[in-house]
Amino acid sequence: PRLASASSVSYSRLYKLKREVFIEFLGSFQDDFEKYWMMRDKLLYSNEFKVIDRICWNCESNSHYAT
C-alpha cells in the first residue's frame, strides 16, 4: 500500500513500470536521472525527508506546481 497520493491538473495517462524499466528509461534524461539518485540517497542514507516536500521539482519552489 502507498502512503502518498497524487493529483493531476489535466487529463493524464498513467503507466505501471517495473523498476528496472523505469531506471533504464530515466537514464535517457541525465538531469532527471541525477535528481532521482540524489533523492534516493538522501532518503535512504540520511533520512532527509524534506527532499520530497517540494511541489515544483523544476525550480525547487513550494509556491506552485510544475506544469
PDB file of N, CA and C in Angstrom:
ATOM      1  N   PRO A   1       0.822  -1.214   0.000  1.00  0.00           N
ATOM      2  CA  PRO A   1       0.000   0.000   0.000  1.00  0.00           C
ATOM      3  C   PRO A   1       0.858   1.267   0.000  1.00  0.00           C
ATOM      4  N   ARG A   2       0.391   2.261  -0.686  1.00  0.00           N
ATOM      5  CA  ARG A   2       1.085   3.543  -0.772  1.00  0.00           C
ATOM      6  C   ARG A   2       0.618   4.465   0.338  1.00  0.00           C
ATOM      7  N   LEU A   3       1.507   5.327   0.792  1.00  0.00           N
ATOM      8  CA  LEU A   3       1.177   6.287   1.836  1.00  0.00           C
ATOM      9  C   LEU A   3       0.996   7.684   1.270  1.00  0.00           C
ATOM     10  N   ALA A   4       1.131   7.838  -0.031  1.00  0.00           N
ATOM     11  CA  ALA A   4       1.025   9.153  -0.655  1.00  0.00           C
ATOM     12  C   ALA A   4      -0.024   9.108  -1.749  1.00  0.00           C
ATOM     13  N   SER A   5      -0.407  10.271  -2.201  1.00  0.00           N
ATOM     14  CA  SER A   5      -1.354  10.359  -3.302  1.00  0.00           C
ATOM     15  C   SER A   5      -0.878  11.436  -4.266  1.00  0.00           C
ATOM     16  N   ALA A   6      -1.473  11.486  -5.417  1.00  0.00           N
ATOM     17  CA  ALA A   6      -1.123  12.477  -6.431  1.00  0.00           C
ATOM     18  C   ALA A   6      -2.391  12.921  -7.126  1.00  0.00           C
ATOM     19  N   SER A   7      -2.349  14.108  -7.682  1.00  0.00           N
ATOM     20  CA  SER A   7      -3.479  14.598  -8.466  1.00  0.00           C
ATOM     21  C   SER A   7      -2.945  15.274  -9.715  1.00  0.00           C
ATOM     22  N   SER A   8      -3.777  15.370 -10.708  1.00  0.00           N
ATOM     23  CA  SER A   8      -3.394  15.945 -11.983  1.00  0.00           C
ATOM     24  C   SER A   8      -4.223  17.195 -12.240  1.00  0.00           C
ATOM     25  N   VAL A   9      -3.621  18.193 -12.897  1.00  0.00           N
ATOM     26  CA  VAL A   9      -4.363  19.408 -13.236  1.00  0.00           C
ATOM     27  C   VAL A   9      -5.050  19.272 -14.593  1.00  0.00           C
ATOM     28  N   SER A  10      -4.793  18.165 -15.303  1.00  0.00           N
ATOM     29  CA  SER A  10      -5.451  17.911 -16.583  1.00  0.00           C
ATOM     30  C   SER A  10      -5.508  16.400 -16.804  1.00  0.00           C
ATOM     31  N   TYR A  11      -6.071  15.990 -17.921  1.00  0.00           N
ATOM     32  CA  TYR A  11      -6.162  14.579 -18.251  1.00  0.00           C
ATOM     33  C   TYR A  11      -4.769  13.954 -18.254  1.00  0.00           C
ATOM     34  N   SER A  12      -4.637  12.781 -17.688  1.00  0.00           N
ATOM     35  CA  SER A  12      -3.344  12.105 -17.608  1.00  0.00           C
ATOM     36  C   SER A  12      -3.486  10.641 -17.961  1.00  0.00           C
ATOM     37  N   ARG A  13      -2.427  10.074 -18.493  1.00  0.00           N
ATOM     38  CA  ARG A  13      -2.366   8.654 -18.753  1.00  0.00           C
ATOM     39  C   ARG A  13      -1.269   8.098 -17.855  1.00  0.00           C
ATOM     40  N   LEU A  14      -1.587   7.089 -17.091  1.00  0.00           N
ATOM     41  CA  LEU A  14      -0.629   6.500 -16.155  1.00  0.00           C
ATOM     42  C   LEU A  14      -0.155   5.148 -16.662  1.00  0.00           C
ATOM     43  N   TYR A  15       1.096   4.865 -16.372  1.00  0.00           N
ATOM     44  CA  TYR A  15       1.683   3.586 -16.739  1.00  0.00           C
ATOM     45  C   TYR A  15       2.320   2.959 -15.512  1.00  0.00           C
ATOM     46  N   LYS A  16       2.211   1.668 -15.420  1.00  0.00           N
ATOM     47  CA  LYS A  16       2.884   0.937 -14.359  1.00  0.00           C
ATOM     48  C   LYS A  16       4.119   0.288 -14.982  1.00  0.00           C
ATOM     49  N   LEU A  17       5.292   0.629 -14.433  1.00  0.00           N
ATOM     50  CA  LEU A  17       6.548   0.113 -14.955  1.00  0.00           C
ATOM     51  C   LEU A  17       7.275  -0.685 -13.894  1.00  0.00           C
ATOM     52  N   LYS A  18       7.984  -1.683 -14.328  1.00  0.00           N
ATOM     53  CA  LYS A  18       8.895  -2.366 -13.411  1.00  0.00           C
ATOM     54  C   LYS A  18      10.037  -1.411 -13.111  1.00  0.00           C
ATOM     55  N   ARG A  19      10.601  -1.534 -11.933  1.00  0.00           N
ATOM     56  CA  ARG A  19      11.672  -0.641 -11.506  1.00  0.00           C
ATOM     57  C   ARG A  19      12.826  -0.623 -12.509  1.00  0.00           C
ATOM     58  N   GLU A  20      13.211  -1.790 -13.000  1.00  0.00           N
ATOM     59  CA  GLU A  20      14.326  -1.881 -13.927  1.00  0.00           C
ATOM     60  C   GLU A  20      14.045  -1.113 -15.216  1.00  0.00           C
ATOM     61  N   VAL A  21      12.830  -1.205 -15.703  1.00  0.00           N
ATOM     62  CA  VAL A  21      12.439  -0.493 -16.921  1.00  0.00           C
ATOM     63  C   VAL A  21      12.453   1.015 -16.671  1.00  0.00           C
ATOM     64  N   PHE A  22      11.945   1.437 -15.517  1.00  0.00           N
ATOM     65  CA  PHE A  22      11.942   2.855 -15.159  1.00  0.00           C
ATOM     66  C   PHE A  22      13.363   3.415 -15.105  1.00  0.00           C
ATOM     67  N   ILE A  23      14.265   2.715 -14.439  1.00  0.00           N
ATOM     68  CA  ILE A  23      15.651   3.175 -14.305  1.00  0.00           C
ATOM     69  C   ILE A  23      16.312   3.260 -15.676  1.00  0.00           C
ATOM     70  N   GLU A  24      16.077   2.276 -16.513  1.00  0.00           N
ATOM     71  CA  GLU A  24      16.661   2.285 -17.855  1.00  0.00           C
ATOM     72  C   GLU A  24      16.136   3.469 -18.673  1.00  0.00           C
ATOM     73  N   PHE A  25      14.837   3.709 -18.620  1.00  0.00           N
ATOM     74  CA  PHE A  25      14.232   4.826 -19.332  1.00  0.00           C
ATOM     75  C   PHE A  25      14.731   6.161 -18.782  1.00  0.00           C
ATOM     76  N   LEU A  26      14.786   6.280 -17.465  1.00  0.00           N
ATOM     77  CA  LEU A  26      15.232   7.506 -16.823  1.00  0.00           C
ATOM     78  C   LEU A  26      16.671   7.849 -17.204  1.00  0.00           C
ATOM     79  N   GLY A  27      17.477   6.846 -17.487  1.00  0.00           N
ATOM     80  CA  GLY A  27      18.848   7.068 -17.905  1.00  0.00           C
ATOM     81  C   GLY A  27      18.971   7.882 -19.187  1.00  0.00           C
ATOM     82  N   SER A  28      17.890   7.980 -19.947  1.00  0.00           N
ATOM     83  CA  SER A  28      17.886   8.782 -21.171  1.00  0.00           C
ATOM     84  C   SER A  28      17.789  10.277 -20.887  1.00  0.00           C
ATOM     85  N   PHE A  29      17.494  10.641 -19.651  1.00  0.00           N
ATOM     86  CA  PHE A  29      17.312  12.033 -19.253  1.00  0.00           C
ATOM     87  C   PHE A  29      18.259  12.328 -18.101  1.00  0.00           C
ATOM     88  N   GLN A  30      19.460  12.776 -18.424  1.00  0.00           N
ATOM     89  CA  GLN A  30      20.548  12.882 -17.459  1.00  0.00           C
ATOM     90  C   GLN A  30      20.189  13.700 -16.221  1.00  0.00           C
ATOM     91  N   ASP A  31      19.569  14.878 -16.393  1.00  0.00           N
ATOM     92  CA  ASP A  31      19.222  15.715 -15.231  1.00  0.00           C
ATOM     93  C   ASP A  31      18.258  15.000 -14.292  1.00  0.00           C
ATOM     94  N   ASP A  32      17.226  14.397 -14.858  1.00  0.00           N
ATOM     95  CA  ASP A  32      16.246  13.683 -14.043  1.00  0.00           C
ATOM     96  C   ASP A  32      16.859  12.438 -13.402  1.00  0.00           C
ATOM     97  N   PHE A  33      17.735  11.770 -14.125  1.00  0.00           N
ATOM     98  CA  PHE A  33      18.422  10.593 -13.609  1.00  0.00           C
ATOM     99  C   PHE A  33      19.241  10.957 -12.368  1.00  0.00           C
ATOM    100  N   GLU A  34      19.970  12.065 -12.446  1.00  0.00           N
ATOM    101  CA  GLU A  34      20.771  12.511 -11.309  1.00  0.00           C
ATOM    102  C   GLU A  34      19.892  12.933 -10.131  1.00  0.00           C
ATOM    103  N   LYS A  35      18.775  13.613 -10.411  1.00  0.00           N
ATOM    104  CA  LYS A  35      17.850  14.018  -9.336  1.00  0.00           C
ATOM    105  C   LYS A  35      17.273  12.792  -8.640  1.00  0.00           C
ATOM    106  N   TYR A  36      16.928  11.776  -9.407  1.00  0.00           N
ATOM    107  CA  TYR A  36      16.377  10.554  -8.834  1.00  0.00           C
ATOM    108  C   TYR A  36      17.354   9.929  -7.838  1.00  0.00           C
ATOM    109  N   TRP A  37      18.621   9.766  -8.255  1.00  0.00           N
ATOM    110  CA  TRP A  37      19.605   9.131  -7.384  1.00  0.00           C
ATOM    111  C   TRP A  37      19.930   9.996  -6.177  1.00  0.00           C
ATOM    112  N   MET A  38      19.924  11.322  -6.352  1.00  0.00           N
ATOM    113  CA  MET A  38      20.166  12.230  -5.226  1.00  0.00           C
ATOM    114  C   MET A  38      19.043  12.085  -4.198  1.00  0.00           C
ATOM    115  N   MET A  39      17.801  12.080  -4.659  1.00  0.00           N
ATOM    116  CA  MET A  39      16.661  11.923  -3.754  1.00  0.00           C
ATOM    117  C   MET A  39      16.710  10.572  -3.051  1.00  0.00           C
ATOM    118  N   ARG A  40      16.980   9.532  -3.813  1.00  0.00           N
ATOM    119  CA  ARG A  40      17.044   8.182  -3.255  1.00  0.00           C
ATOM    120  C   ARG A  40      18.104   8.098  -2.167  1.00  0.00           C
ATOM    121  N   ASP A  41      19.292   8.612  -2.456  1.00  0.00           N
ATOM    122  CA  ASP A  41      20.380   8.556  -1.487  1.00  0.00           C
ATOM    123  C   ASP A  41      20.060   9.340  -0.221  1.00  0.00           C
ATOM    124  N   LYS A  42      19.472  10.518  -0.374  1.00  0.00           N
ATOM    125  CA  LYS A  42      19.121  11.319   0.804  1.00  0.00           C
ATOM    126  C   LYS A  42      18.075  10.613   1.657  1.00  0.00           C
ATOM    127  N   LEU A  43      17.113   9.976   1.007  1.00  0.00           N
ATOM    128  CA  LEU A  43      16.080   9.263   1.753  1.00  0.00           C
ATOM    129  C   LEU A  43      16.635   8.027   2.452  1.00  0.00           C
ATOM    130  N   LEU A  44      17.452   7.267   1.757  1.00  0.00           N
ATOM    131  CA  LEU A  44      17.965   6.014   2.313  1.00  0.00           C
ATOM    132  C   LEU A  44      19.054   6.187   3.356  1.00  0.00           C
ATOM    133  N   TYR A  45      19.981   7.090   3.091  1.00  0.00           N
ATOM    134  CA  TYR A  45      21.184   7.145   3.914  1.00  0.00           C
ATOM    135  C   TYR A  45      21.185   8.229   4.982  1.00  0.00           C
ATOM    136  N   SER A  46      20.375   9.265   4.804  1.00  0.00           N
ATOM    137  CA  SER A  46      20.403  10.322   5.815  1.00  0.00           C
ATOM    138  C   SER A  46      19.016  10.638   6.364  1.00  0.00           C
ATOM    139  N   ASN A  47      18.011   9.864   5.962  1.00  0.00           N
ATOM    140  CA  ASN A  47      16.631  10.099   6.414  1.00  0.00           C
ATOM    141  C   ASN A  47      16.223  11.551   6.227  1.00  0.00           C
ATOM    142  N   GLU A  48      16.667  12.153   5.149  1.00  0.00           N
ATOM    143  CA  GLU A  48      16.380  13.543   4.856  1.00  0.00           C
ATOM    144  C   GLU A  48      15.092  13.630   4.038  1.00  0.00           C
ATOM    145  N   PHE A  49      13.962  13.596   4.723  1.00  0.00           N
ATOM    146  CA  PHE A  49      12.671  13.541   4.057  1.00  0.00           C
ATOM    147  C   PHE A  49      12.221  14.874   3.489  1.00  0.00           C
ATOM    148  N   LYS A  50      12.885  15.969   3.833  1.00  0.00           N
ATOM    149  CA  LYS A  50      12.491  17.250   3.262  1.00  0.00           C
ATOM    150  C   LYS A  50      12.719  17.280   1.756  1.00  0.00           C
ATOM    151  N   VAL A  51      13.500  16.343   1.250  1.00  0.00           N
ATOM    152  CA  VAL A  51      13.766  16.280  -0.182  1.00  0.00           C
ATOM    153  C   VAL A  51      12.488  15.991  -0.981  1.00  0.00           C
ATOM    154  N   ILE A  52      11.468  15.418  -0.355  1.00  0.00           N
ATOM    155  CA  ILE A  52      10.222  15.122  -1.058  1.00  0.00           C
ATOM    156  C   ILE A  52       9.100  16.077  -0.695  1.00  0.00           C
ATOM    157  N   ASP A  53       9.400  17.156   0.009  1.00  0.00           N
ATOM    158  CA  ASP A  53       8.379  18.122   0.414  1.00  0.00           C
ATOM    159  C   ASP A  53       8.077  19.179  -0.633  1.00  0.00           C
ATOM    160  N   ARG A  54       8.830  19.240  -1.708  1.00  0.00           N
ATOM    161  CA  ARG A  54       8.653  20.279  -2.716  1.00  0.00           C
ATOM    162  C   ARG A  54       7.447  20.013  -3.592  1.00  0.00           C
ATOM    163  N   ILE A  55       6.871  21.068  -4.081  1.00  0.00           N
ATOM    164  CA  ILE A  55       5.773  20.960  -5.041  1.00  0.00           C
ATOM    165  C   ILE A  55       6.331  20.960  -6.462  1.00  0.00           C
ATOM    166  N   CYS A  56       7.234  21.897  -6.772  1.00  0.00           N
ATOM    167  CA  CYS A  56       7.790  22.029  -8.122  1.00  0.00           C
ATOM    168  C   CYS A  56       9.240  21.563  -8.138  1.00  0.00           C
ATOM    169  N   TRP A  57       9.509  20.490  -8.877  1.00  0.00           N
ATOM    170  CA  TRP A  57      10.877  19.993  -8.971  1.00  0.00           C
ATOM    171  C   TRP A  57      11.684  20.745 -10.015  1.00  0.00           C
ATOM    172  N   ASN A  58      11.015  21.511 -10.880  1.00  0.00           N
ATOM    173  CA  ASN A  58      11.754  22.257 -11.904  1.00  0.00           C
ATOM    174  C   ASN A  58      12.569  23.383 -11.289  1.00  0.00           C
ATOM    175  N   CYS A  59      11.954  24.156 -10.383  1.00  0.00           N
ATOM    176  CA  CYS A  59      12.673  25.287  -9.786  1.00  0.00           C
ATOM    177  C   CYS A  59      12.857  25.129  -8.280  1.00  0.00           C
ATOM    178  N   GLU A  60      12.407  23.989  -7.722  1.00  0.00           N
ATOM    179  CA  GLU A  60      12.540  23.681  -6.302  1.00  0.00           C
ATOM    180  C   GLU A  60      11.750  24.626  -5.403  1.00  0.00           C
ATOM    181  N   SER A  61      10.625  25.094  -5.899  1.00  0.00           N
ATOM    182  CA  SER A  61       9.766  26.010  -5.157  1.00  0.00           C
ATOM    183  C   SER A  61       8.649  25.243  -4.460  1.00  0.00           C
ATOM    184  N   ASN A  62       8.133  25.805  -3.382  1.00  0.00           N
ATOM    185  CA  ASN A  62       6.959  25.263  -2.719  1.00  0.00           C
ATOM    186  C   ASN A  62       5.726  26.108  -2.974  1.00  0.00           C
ATOM    187  N   SER A  63       5.838  27.094  -3.865  1.00  0.00           N
ATOM    188  CA  SER A  63       4.744  28.045  -4.051  1.00  0.00           C
ATOM    189  C   SER A  63       3.853  27.733  -5.265  1.00  0.00           C
ATOM    190  N   HIS A  64       4.208  26.749  -6.070  1.00  0.00           N
ATOM    191  CA  HIS A  64       3.398  26.420  -7.246  1.00  0.00           C
ATOM    192  C   HIS A  64       3.699  24.982  -7.702  1.00  0.00           C
ATOM    193  N   TYR A  65       2.848  24.488  -8.577  1.00  0.00           N
ATOM    194  CA  TYR A  65       3.040  23.150  -9.145  1.00  0.00           C
ATOM    195  C   TYR A  65       3.809  23.235 -10.453  1.00  0.00           C
ATOM    196  N   ALA A  66       4.556  22.213 -10.774  1.00  0.00           N
ATOM    197  CA  ALA A  66       5.219  22.141 -12.073  1.00  0.00           C
ATOM    198  C   ALA A  66       4.174  21.803 -13.119  1.00  0.00           C
ATOM    199  N   THR A  67       4.285  22.414 -14.263  1.00  0.00           N
ATOM    200  CA  THR A  67       3.361  22.121 -15.368  1.00  0.00           C
ATOM    201  C   THR A  67       4.131  21.646 -16.577  1.00  0.00           C
TER     202      THR A  67
END
